[in-house]
C-alpha cells in the first residue's frame, strides 16, 4: 500500500483524534511497536527509529516468502521508518533533535539503556519540557528486578497467567500470540493518552513519564487471583477449558469432530441451555440455582452438555444456541476467519496490496479497533521498507541538507 500524507479533515469535517500528535518510536519486537500502531491508526504521526542495515527483528519473524513478514507489515502500518544508529553520538544527537519536535517518545529498551545513550527523559526534556515519555520494560524502571532482561513470555509466567493456562495433568502452556507484549502495548497507549491529557490541562508542567512493566500488564488482568489467595487461602490451578467456580462454561465436542464453546454461567442462560438440550430436569433442579450450586456440580453439568453436543454437528449446535439465545460459537482458524461474513461486514478483513517476491498480492489485514463513529481509525499504509522515510524526516523536521544526509549514510549513522 502506497504511503499517503497523514489524514486531515474527514469528509464530515472531523479530524482523527490524534491528528497533530507526533510519536518517536524507539522500540523493537512487539510491545512498543504495538502501542505505536494503535496511536498511528487514529492519526498520530509515528516515526519509527531502526538500526541501519538491520531493522526491527520482527521484519523477519515467520517469514514465509519474500524479505518482509506479514507480522511486520501489520505492526508497523502507518509508520515512517527512519534508520539511525543509536549507539553512535551522531545518531543520539539526531534522536534528541527529533524528540524536540515530538509529543511522545515511546521505548522498550532495558532500563538504563537510554541513559547510557544520552537520550534519557530528563535529557530529552531540556529542549521539550512537556514531552511525554512512555517506557516499557520487563520489570519496570525500579525494583530489584529492573535490570533483568524480560520478554512477554517470561512476563506471562511471572504475572501468574501461565500457572493457570493448560490442563492440570500437563505442563503450563502459552497462547499462540505475544499476549504479554500486547497487553503492555495497550497499557502504554493508555499511559500516553493520560500524559497527553495532563499536558493539555497543565501545559506549563513537566511532561509525564509512563512506566509500563510487562509482568504488571499481565498481572493486572488476573482478576481476583491474589485477593482470593489472601482472603480464602485459595491457590488457583490449571483447569483446562473450564473456569473454576463458574459453570457451565467450557468447550464441548460435536459430532463432526469440531468443538463448540458455550458460556451459560448465569441463572437465565443456564435455564435456557438446559431446556435447549432437553434437560428440563436440570433447569428446575434446586441444587443448581445460583452459580455456587452449579460450580459444585460442574463436572456433572459438563457431562450432560457434552452428551448432547456430541450428537450434533457444529452448525446444528450453533443454530440451537442462537435460537435459545445462549452465548456459544466455534473455535476459528485463520481460514475460518477469512471466510466469515461478519468479519468482512465489520471491516476486520481489510484487503491491501503488498509486494511479495516482486509480485503484488492482495492480502486481508486486521482492521482497526475500536471503531469510532465520527473519527474512525484507518490503515493509511502498511509497514514500510527499512529506512524508507529517513531522508524525508531528516529534511522536513530537522532541515538537514541532502549532502549532510549522504555523509551520515556514508558513515553508517543512517
Protein backbone atom coordinates (compact mmCIF):
# COMPACT_ATOMS: atom_id res chain seq x y z
CA UNK A 1 0.00 0.00 0.00
CA UNK A 2 1.50 3.35 -1.02
CA UNK A 3 2.17 5.84 1.82
CA UNK A 4 -0.09 8.83 1.97
CA UNK A 5 0.02 12.05 3.93
CA UNK A 6 -1.41 11.90 7.47
CA UNK A 7 -5.15 12.45 7.26
CA UNK A 8 -6.64 15.88 7.57
CA UNK A 9 -10.32 16.58 7.89
CA UNK A 10 -12.59 13.64 7.22
CA UNK A 11 -15.47 14.16 4.74
CA UNK A 12 -17.76 15.14 7.61
CA UNK A 13 -15.24 17.66 8.94
CA UNK A 14 -13.95 15.55 11.81
CA UNK A 15 -10.20 15.09 12.17
CA UNK A 16 -8.73 11.87 13.57
CA UNK A 17 -8.49 12.10 17.37
CA UNK A 18 -4.68 12.11 17.38
CA UNK A 19 -4.05 14.22 14.28
CA UNK A 20 -1.17 16.58 15.00
CA UNK A 21 0.43 14.28 17.60
CA UNK A 22 3.96 13.16 16.74
CA UNK A 23 5.39 9.99 18.30
CA UNK A 24 9.01 8.87 18.15
CA UNK A 25 9.14 5.08 18.49
CA UNK A 26 12.37 3.70 19.91
CA UNK A 27 11.22 0.12 20.11
CA UNK A 28 11.72 -3.36 18.73
CA UNK A 29 9.77 -6.61 18.69
CA UNK A 30 6.13 -6.23 19.85
CA UNK A 31 5.37 -4.19 22.98
CA UNK A 32 6.26 -0.61 22.00
CA UNK A 33 5.56 -1.22 18.28
CA UNK A 34 2.04 -2.47 19.05
CA UNK A 35 1.37 0.66 21.11
CA UNK A 36 2.63 2.92 18.34
CA UNK A 37 0.50 1.05 15.81
CA UNK A 38 -2.66 1.87 17.75
CA UNK A 39 -1.70 5.53 18.11
CA UNK A 40 -0.94 5.72 14.40
CA UNK A 41 -4.28 4.22 13.41
CA UNK A 42 -6.02 7.19 14.99
CA UNK A 43 -3.99 9.87 13.29
CA UNK A 44 -0.71 10.22 15.18
CA UNK A 45 2.42 10.60 13.09
CA UNK A 46 4.69 7.70 14.02
CA UNK A 47 8.42 7.96 13.32
CA UNK A 48 9.99 4.57 13.98
CA UNK A 49 13.74 4.51 14.54
CA UNK A 50 15.50 1.37 13.29
CA UNK A 51 19.09 0.18 13.24
CA UNK A 52 20.68 0.81 9.80
CA UNK A 53 21.03 -2.33 7.73
CA UNK A 54 19.25 -4.47 10.33
CA UNK A 55 15.92 -3.00 11.32
CA UNK A 56 13.38 -4.42 13.72
CA UNK A 57 13.79 -8.20 14.02
CA UNK A 58 10.04 -8.67 13.53
CA UNK A 59 10.67 -7.88 9.86
CA UNK A 60 11.94 -11.47 9.59
CA UNK A 61 9.63 -13.29 12.03
CA UNK A 62 7.53 -16.11 10.50
CA UNK A 63 8.77 -15.10 7.08
CA UNK A 64 7.04 -17.38 4.59
CA UNK A 65 8.12 -15.77 1.33
CA UNK A 66 9.92 -12.61 0.34
CA UNK A 67 12.03 -10.47 2.68
CA UNK A 68 9.45 -8.82 4.97
CA UNK A 69 6.99 -10.64 7.22
CA UNK A 70 3.25 -10.05 7.32
CA UNK A 71 3.60 -9.54 11.08
CA UNK A 72 5.86 -6.55 10.39
CA UNK A 73 3.52 -5.17 7.74
CA UNK A 74 0.77 -5.27 10.38
CA UNK A 75 2.64 -3.93 13.42
CA UNK A 76 4.37 -1.14 11.51
CA UNK A 77 1.45 0.15 9.47
CA UNK A 78 1.05 3.92 9.30
CA UNK A 79 4.66 4.38 10.49
CA UNK A 80 7.60 6.17 8.92
CA UNK A 81 10.83 4.16 9.05
CA UNK A 82 13.96 6.18 9.80
CA UNK A 83 17.33 4.48 10.24
CA UNK A 84 19.62 5.82 12.98
CA UNK A 85 22.41 4.10 14.86
CA UNK A 86 21.60 4.96 18.47
CA UNK A 87 24.97 3.65 19.61
CA UNK A 88 26.71 6.47 17.75
CA UNK A 89 26.91 10.04 19.11
CA UNK A 90 25.62 11.39 15.79
CA UNK A 91 22.58 9.13 15.94
CA UNK A 92 21.91 10.11 19.54
CA UNK A 93 22.08 13.78 18.63
CA UNK A 94 19.56 13.30 15.83
CA UNK A 95 17.17 11.50 18.20
CA UNK A 96 17.42 14.38 20.66
CA UNK A 97 16.61 16.80 17.86
CA UNK A 98 13.67 14.69 16.68
CA UNK A 99 12.34 14.41 20.24
CA UNK A 100 12.37 18.20 20.45
CA UNK A 101 9.70 18.23 17.72
CA UNK A 102 7.60 15.42 19.22
CA UNK A 103 4.76 14.98 21.68
CA UNK A 104 5.55 11.41 22.77
CA UNK A 105 8.64 9.22 22.86
CA UNK A 106 7.87 5.51 23.18
CA UNK A 107 10.61 2.99 24.04
CA UNK A 108 11.02 -0.60 25.21
CA UNK A 109 14.72 -1.00 25.91
CA UNK A 110 16.10 -2.43 29.14
CA UNK A 111 16.18 0.19 31.94
CA UNK A 112 19.35 2.27 31.78
CA UNK A 113 19.82 1.93 28.02
CA UNK A 114 18.52 5.39 27.13
CA UNK A 115 20.60 6.83 29.97
CA UNK A 116 23.70 5.12 28.58
CA UNK A 117 23.00 6.61 25.16
CA UNK A 118 22.43 10.11 26.48
CA UNK A 119 18.76 10.22 25.49
CA UNK A 120 17.08 9.69 28.88
CA UNK A 121 13.80 11.52 29.59
CA UNK A 122 15.46 14.35 31.52
CA UNK A 123 17.87 14.96 28.64
CA UNK A 124 15.11 14.92 26.01
CA UNK A 125 13.08 17.41 28.07
CA UNK A 126 15.82 20.04 28.05
CA UNK A 127 14.54 21.16 24.66
CA UNK A 128 10.98 19.87 25.06
CA UNK A 129 9.84 20.17 28.72
CA UNK A 130 6.31 18.87 28.13
CA UNK A 131 7.42 15.72 26.27
CA UNK A 132 5.55 12.55 27.31
CA UNK A 133 7.94 9.59 27.60
CA UNK A 134 6.47 6.07 27.71
CA UNK A 135 8.88 3.39 28.88
CA UNK A 136 8.12 -0.34 28.53
CA UNK A 137 10.39 -2.94 30.11
CA UNK A 138 10.21 -6.42 31.52
CA UNK A 139 10.11 -5.46 35.20
CA UNK A 140 9.76 -1.67 35.30
CA UNK A 141 12.21 1.17 35.87
CA UNK A 142 12.56 0.46 39.61
CA UNK A 143 12.71 -2.54 41.94
CA UNK A 144 15.17 -5.39 42.46
CA UNK A 145 14.43 -6.98 39.06
CA UNK A 146 14.73 -3.80 36.96
CA UNK A 147 18.00 -4.83 35.30
CA UNK A 148 16.83 -8.29 34.27
CA UNK A 149 16.10 -8.87 30.59
CA UNK A 150 12.41 -9.50 30.12
CA UNK A 151 10.24 -10.78 27.27
CA UNK A 152 6.48 -11.19 27.11
CA UNK A 153 6.54 -14.95 27.62
CA UNK A 154 8.51 -14.60 30.85
CA UNK A 155 6.15 -11.84 31.96
CA UNK A 156 3.17 -14.13 31.39
CA UNK A 157 4.83 -16.64 33.72
CA UNK A 158 5.78 -14.18 36.46
CA UNK A 159 2.46 -12.35 36.26
CA UNK A 160 0.53 -15.52 37.13
CA UNK A 161 -1.05 -16.27 33.76
CA UNK A 162 0.98 -19.33 32.76
CA UNK A 163 0.21 -21.03 36.08
CA UNK A 164 -3.45 -21.10 35.05
CA UNK A 165 -3.01 -21.92 31.37
CA UNK A 166 -3.37 -25.52 30.24
CA UNK A 167 -4.64 -28.76 31.70
CA UNK A 168 -3.93 -29.85 35.27
CA UNK A 169 -2.17 -33.08 34.23
CA UNK A 170 0.19 -31.34 31.78
CA UNK A 171 2.88 -28.64 31.95
CA UNK A 172 1.82 -24.98 31.81
CA UNK A 173 1.31 -23.74 28.27
CA UNK A 174 1.01 -20.45 26.43
CA UNK A 175 -1.37 -18.88 23.98
CA UNK A 176 -0.20 -18.64 20.38
CA UNK A 177 0.32 -14.86 20.27
CA UNK A 178 2.52 -12.34 22.10
CA UNK A 179 -0.12 -11.71 24.75
CA UNK A 180 2.15 -10.19 27.41
CA UNK A 181 3.65 -7.76 24.90
CA UNK A 182 0.26 -6.78 23.50
CA UNK A 183 -1.13 -6.17 27.00
CA UNK A 184 1.85 -3.95 27.76
CA UNK A 185 1.25 -2.11 24.50
CA UNK A 186 -2.36 -1.42 25.46
CA UNK A 187 -1.28 -0.07 28.84
CA UNK A 188 1.36 2.05 27.11
CA UNK A 189 -1.32 3.60 24.90
CA UNK A 190 -3.41 4.38 27.98
CA UNK A 191 -0.38 5.95 29.64
CA UNK A 192 0.46 8.02 26.59
CA UNK A 193 -3.10 9.34 26.30
CA UNK A 194 -3.17 10.16 30.02
CA UNK A 195 0.11 12.04 29.65
CA UNK A 196 -1.20 13.99 26.67
CA UNK A 197 -4.40 14.82 28.53
CA UNK A 198 -2.45 16.04 31.57
CA UNK A 199 -0.32 18.23 29.29
CA UNK A 200 -3.44 19.78 27.76
CA UNK A 201 -4.75 20.69 31.20
CA UNK A 202 -1.41 21.88 32.65
CA UNK A 203 0.85 22.82 29.74
CA UNK A 204 3.41 24.54 31.97
CA UNK A 205 4.18 21.37 33.92
CA UNK A 206 6.92 18.91 33.02
CA UNK A 207 5.76 16.09 30.77
CA UNK A 208 4.74 12.76 32.25
CA UNK A 209 6.97 9.68 32.34
CA UNK A 210 4.96 6.47 31.99
CA UNK A 211 6.47 3.26 33.41
CA UNK A 212 4.92 0.06 31.98
CA UNK A 213 6.26 -3.31 33.14
CA UNK A 214 5.40 -6.36 31.08
CA UNK A 215 4.75 -8.57 34.10
CA UNK A 216 2.49 -5.91 35.64
CA UNK A 217 0.47 -5.61 32.46
CA UNK A 218 -0.17 -9.36 32.72
CA UNK A 219 -0.78 -9.31 36.47
CA UNK A 220 -3.33 -6.50 36.06
CA UNK A 221 -5.73 -8.86 34.22
CA UNK A 222 -5.54 -11.66 36.77
CA UNK A 223 -8.79 -10.56 38.40
CA UNK A 224 -9.19 -12.00 41.92
CA UNK A 225 -6.16 -14.33 41.80
CA UNK A 226 -4.20 -12.79 44.69
CA UNK A 227 -7.12 -11.47 46.78
CA UNK A 228 -8.70 -14.94 46.67
CA UNK A 229 -5.46 -16.47 47.89
CA UNK A 230 -5.02 -13.88 50.65
CA UNK A 231 -8.63 -13.95 51.83
CA UNK A 232 -9.52 -17.63 51.35
CA UNK A 233 -6.21 -19.45 51.03
CA UNK A 234 -7.29 -20.44 47.52
CA UNK A 235 -4.48 -21.15 45.07
CA UNK A 236 -5.98 -21.45 41.62
CA UNK A 237 -4.54 -24.15 39.37
CA UNK A 238 -4.77 -25.07 35.70
CA UNK A 239 -8.27 -26.17 34.78
CA UNK A 240 -8.17 -26.77 31.03
CA UNK A 241 -11.01 -25.08 29.19
CA UNK A 242 -13.19 -24.52 32.24
CA UNK A 243 -13.15 -21.57 34.63
CA UNK A 244 -13.06 -22.74 38.26
CA UNK A 245 -16.02 -21.57 40.27
CA UNK A 246 -18.04 -20.56 37.20
CA UNK A 247 -20.37 -23.07 35.50
CA UNK A 248 -21.26 -24.08 32.94
CA UNK A 249 -18.52 -22.56 30.81
CA UNK A 250 -16.42 -24.92 28.75
CA UNK A 251 -15.54 -26.39 25.35
CA UNK A 252 -17.64 -29.31 24.13
CA UNK A 253 -17.25 -31.88 21.31
CA UNK A 254 -19.52 -32.01 18.28
CA UNK A 255 -20.42 -34.97 16.10
CA UNK A 256 -18.28 -33.85 13.17
CA UNK A 257 -15.10 -33.56 15.23
CA UNK A 258 -15.36 -29.81 15.73
CA UNK A 259 -15.71 -28.08 19.07
CA UNK A 260 -18.17 -25.55 20.41
CA UNK A 261 -17.52 -23.07 23.22
CA UNK A 262 -20.54 -22.45 25.47
CA UNK A 263 -20.91 -19.95 28.27
CA UNK A 264 -24.17 -20.26 30.21
CA UNK A 265 -22.96 -19.14 33.63
CA UNK A 266 -25.95 -17.08 34.72
CA UNK A 267 -29.29 -18.25 36.09
CA UNK A 268 -31.25 -17.25 32.99
CA UNK A 269 -28.72 -18.56 30.48
CA UNK A 270 -28.39 -21.83 32.37
CA UNK A 271 -32.14 -22.48 32.23
CA UNK A 272 -32.24 -21.65 28.52
CA UNK A 273 -29.37 -24.02 27.76
CA UNK A 274 -30.81 -26.92 29.76
CA UNK A 275 -34.16 -26.59 28.01
CA UNK A 276 -32.42 -26.36 24.61
CA UNK A 277 -30.56 -29.63 25.20
CA UNK A 278 -33.65 -31.41 26.55
CA UNK A 279 -32.63 -31.39 30.20
CA UNK A 280 -35.60 -29.63 31.74
CA UNK A 281 -34.95 -31.63 34.89
CA UNK A 282 -31.66 -29.81 35.40
CA UNK A 283 -33.21 -26.46 34.54
CA UNK A 284 -35.51 -26.82 37.57
CA UNK A 285 -33.10 -28.68 39.87
CA UNK A 286 -32.95 -26.79 43.20
CA UNK A 287 -29.28 -27.78 43.64
CA UNK A 288 -28.36 -25.77 40.55
CA UNK A 289 -29.95 -22.47 41.47
CA UNK A 290 -27.22 -19.90 41.65
CA UNK A 291 -23.64 -20.12 40.47
CA UNK A 292 -22.34 -21.70 43.67
CA UNK A 293 -24.60 -24.73 43.23
CA UNK A 294 -23.71 -25.10 39.57
CA UNK A 295 -19.99 -24.74 40.30
CA UNK A 296 -20.27 -27.55 42.85
CA UNK A 297 -21.74 -29.79 40.15
CA UNK A 298 -19.67 -28.51 37.22
CA UNK A 299 -18.44 -31.94 36.11
CA UNK A 300 -21.95 -33.35 36.04
CA UNK A 301 -23.19 -30.38 34.02
CA UNK A 302 -20.30 -30.61 31.55
CA UNK A 303 -21.01 -34.30 31.03
CA UNK A 304 -24.70 -33.59 30.40
CA UNK A 305 -23.95 -30.83 27.89
CA UNK A 306 -21.29 -32.88 26.10
CA UNK A 307 -23.69 -35.83 25.84
CA UNK A 308 -25.94 -33.59 23.76
CA UNK A 309 -23.36 -31.63 21.71
CA UNK A 310 -21.62 -34.82 20.58
CA UNK A 311 -24.81 -35.85 18.80
CA UNK A 312 -24.97 -32.64 16.74
CA UNK A 313 -22.80 -31.15 14.01
CA UNK A 314 -21.18 -27.80 14.82
CA UNK A 315 -23.51 -25.87 12.52
CA UNK A 316 -26.52 -27.58 14.12
CA UNK A 317 -25.23 -26.79 17.60
CA UNK A 318 -24.61 -23.15 16.70
CA UNK A 319 -28.18 -22.85 15.40
CA UNK A 320 -29.57 -24.38 18.59
CA UNK A 321 -27.60 -21.97 20.77
CA UNK A 322 -28.62 -18.97 18.67
CA UNK A 323 -32.29 -19.96 18.86
CA UNK A 324 -32.00 -20.32 22.64
CA UNK A 325 -30.08 -17.03 22.93
CA UNK A 326 -27.19 -18.73 24.71
CA UNK A 327 -23.63 -17.49 24.03
CA UNK A 328 -21.71 -20.08 22.08
CA UNK A 329 -19.63 -20.48 19.00
CA UNK A 330 -16.95 -22.33 17.05
CA UNK A 331 -13.20 -22.24 17.51
CA UNK A 332 -11.90 -20.46 14.42
CA UNK A 333 -8.69 -20.95 12.49
CA UNK A 334 -7.29 -18.28 10.19
CA UNK A 335 -9.11 -19.93 7.28
CA UNK A 336 -12.41 -19.72 9.17
CA UNK A 337 -11.89 -16.04 9.96
CA UNK A 338 -11.17 -15.19 6.33
CA UNK A 339 -14.36 -16.97 5.22
CA UNK A 340 -16.64 -15.41 7.84
CA UNK A 341 -19.00 -12.71 6.52
CA UNK A 342 -19.27 -10.95 9.89
CA UNK A 343 -15.55 -10.13 9.91
CA UNK A 344 -15.93 -8.57 6.46
CA UNK A 345 -19.09 -6.69 7.38
CA UNK A 346 -17.25 -5.16 10.34
CA UNK A 347 -14.22 -4.18 8.21
CA UNK A 348 -11.99 -6.55 10.12
CA UNK A 349 -10.54 -8.05 6.92
CA UNK A 350 -9.09 -5.09 5.05
CA UNK A 351 -7.77 -6.09 1.59
CA UNK A 352 -4.47 -4.34 0.85
CA UNK A 353 -1.89 -4.74 -1.88
CA UNK A 354 1.54 -5.89 -0.71
CA UNK A 355 4.65 -6.86 -2.66
CA UNK A 356 5.85 -10.42 -2.04
CA UNK A 357 8.86 -11.61 -4.06
CA UNK A 358 8.37 -8.79 -6.59
CA UNK A 359 4.72 -9.73 -7.12
CA UNK A 360 1.79 -7.62 -5.93
CA UNK A 361 -0.67 -9.66 -3.89
CA UNK A 362 -3.92 -8.61 -2.25
CA UNK A 363 -3.87 -9.73 1.38
CA UNK A 364 -6.54 -9.23 4.06
CA UNK A 365 -5.11 -7.42 7.12
CA UNK A 366 -6.78 -6.95 10.53
CA UNK A 367 -9.00 -3.88 10.73
CA UNK A 368 -8.85 -1.09 13.28
CA UNK A 369 -10.18 -1.45 16.82
CA UNK A 370 -12.02 0.30 18.46
CA UNK A 371 -14.50 1.66 15.96
CA UNK A 372 -15.31 5.33 16.32
CA UNK A 373 -18.47 6.60 14.63
CA UNK A 374 -17.27 10.10 13.75
CA UNK A 375 -13.48 9.84 13.91
CA UNK A 376 -12.66 6.30 12.79
CA UNK A 377 -9.15 4.97 12.64
CA UNK A 378 -7.56 4.00 9.35
CA UNK A 379 -4.79 2.00 7.73
CA UNK A 380 -3.03 4.56 5.57
CA UNK A 381 -0.16 2.30 4.55
CA UNK A 382 1.43 -0.98 5.57
CA UNK A 383 4.73 -1.39 7.39
CA UNK A 384 7.35 0.42 5.26
CA UNK A 385 10.68 -0.72 3.90
CA UNK A 386 13.71 -0.22 6.12
CA UNK A 387 14.69 3.45 6.16
CA UNK A 388 12.05 4.38 3.60
CA UNK A 389 11.37 7.76 5.21
CA UNK A 390 14.85 8.65 6.50
CA UNK A 391 15.58 11.43 4.02
CA UNK A 392 12.04 12.83 4.20
CA UNK A 393 12.06 13.11 8.00
CA UNK A 394 15.59 14.46 8.36
CA UNK A 395 14.97 17.12 5.72
CA UNK A 396 11.46 18.18 6.73
CA UNK A 397 11.82 18.07 10.51
CA UNK A 398 15.50 18.80 11.09
CA UNK A 399 16.37 20.78 7.98
CA UNK A 400 19.33 18.63 7.01
CA UNK A 401 20.76 19.17 3.55
CA UNK A 402 20.97 16.23 1.15
CA UNK A 403 24.75 16.29 1.33
CA UNK A 404 24.63 16.06 5.14
CA UNK A 405 22.39 13.01 4.92
CA UNK A 406 24.71 11.48 2.32
CA UNK A 407 27.64 11.97 4.70
CA UNK A 408 25.73 10.38 7.58
CA UNK A 409 24.80 7.47 5.36
CA UNK A 410 28.37 7.02 4.27
CA UNK A 411 29.46 6.98 7.91
CA UNK A 412 26.86 4.32 8.76
CA UNK A 413 24.86 6.60 11.06
CA UNK A 414 21.66 6.39 8.97
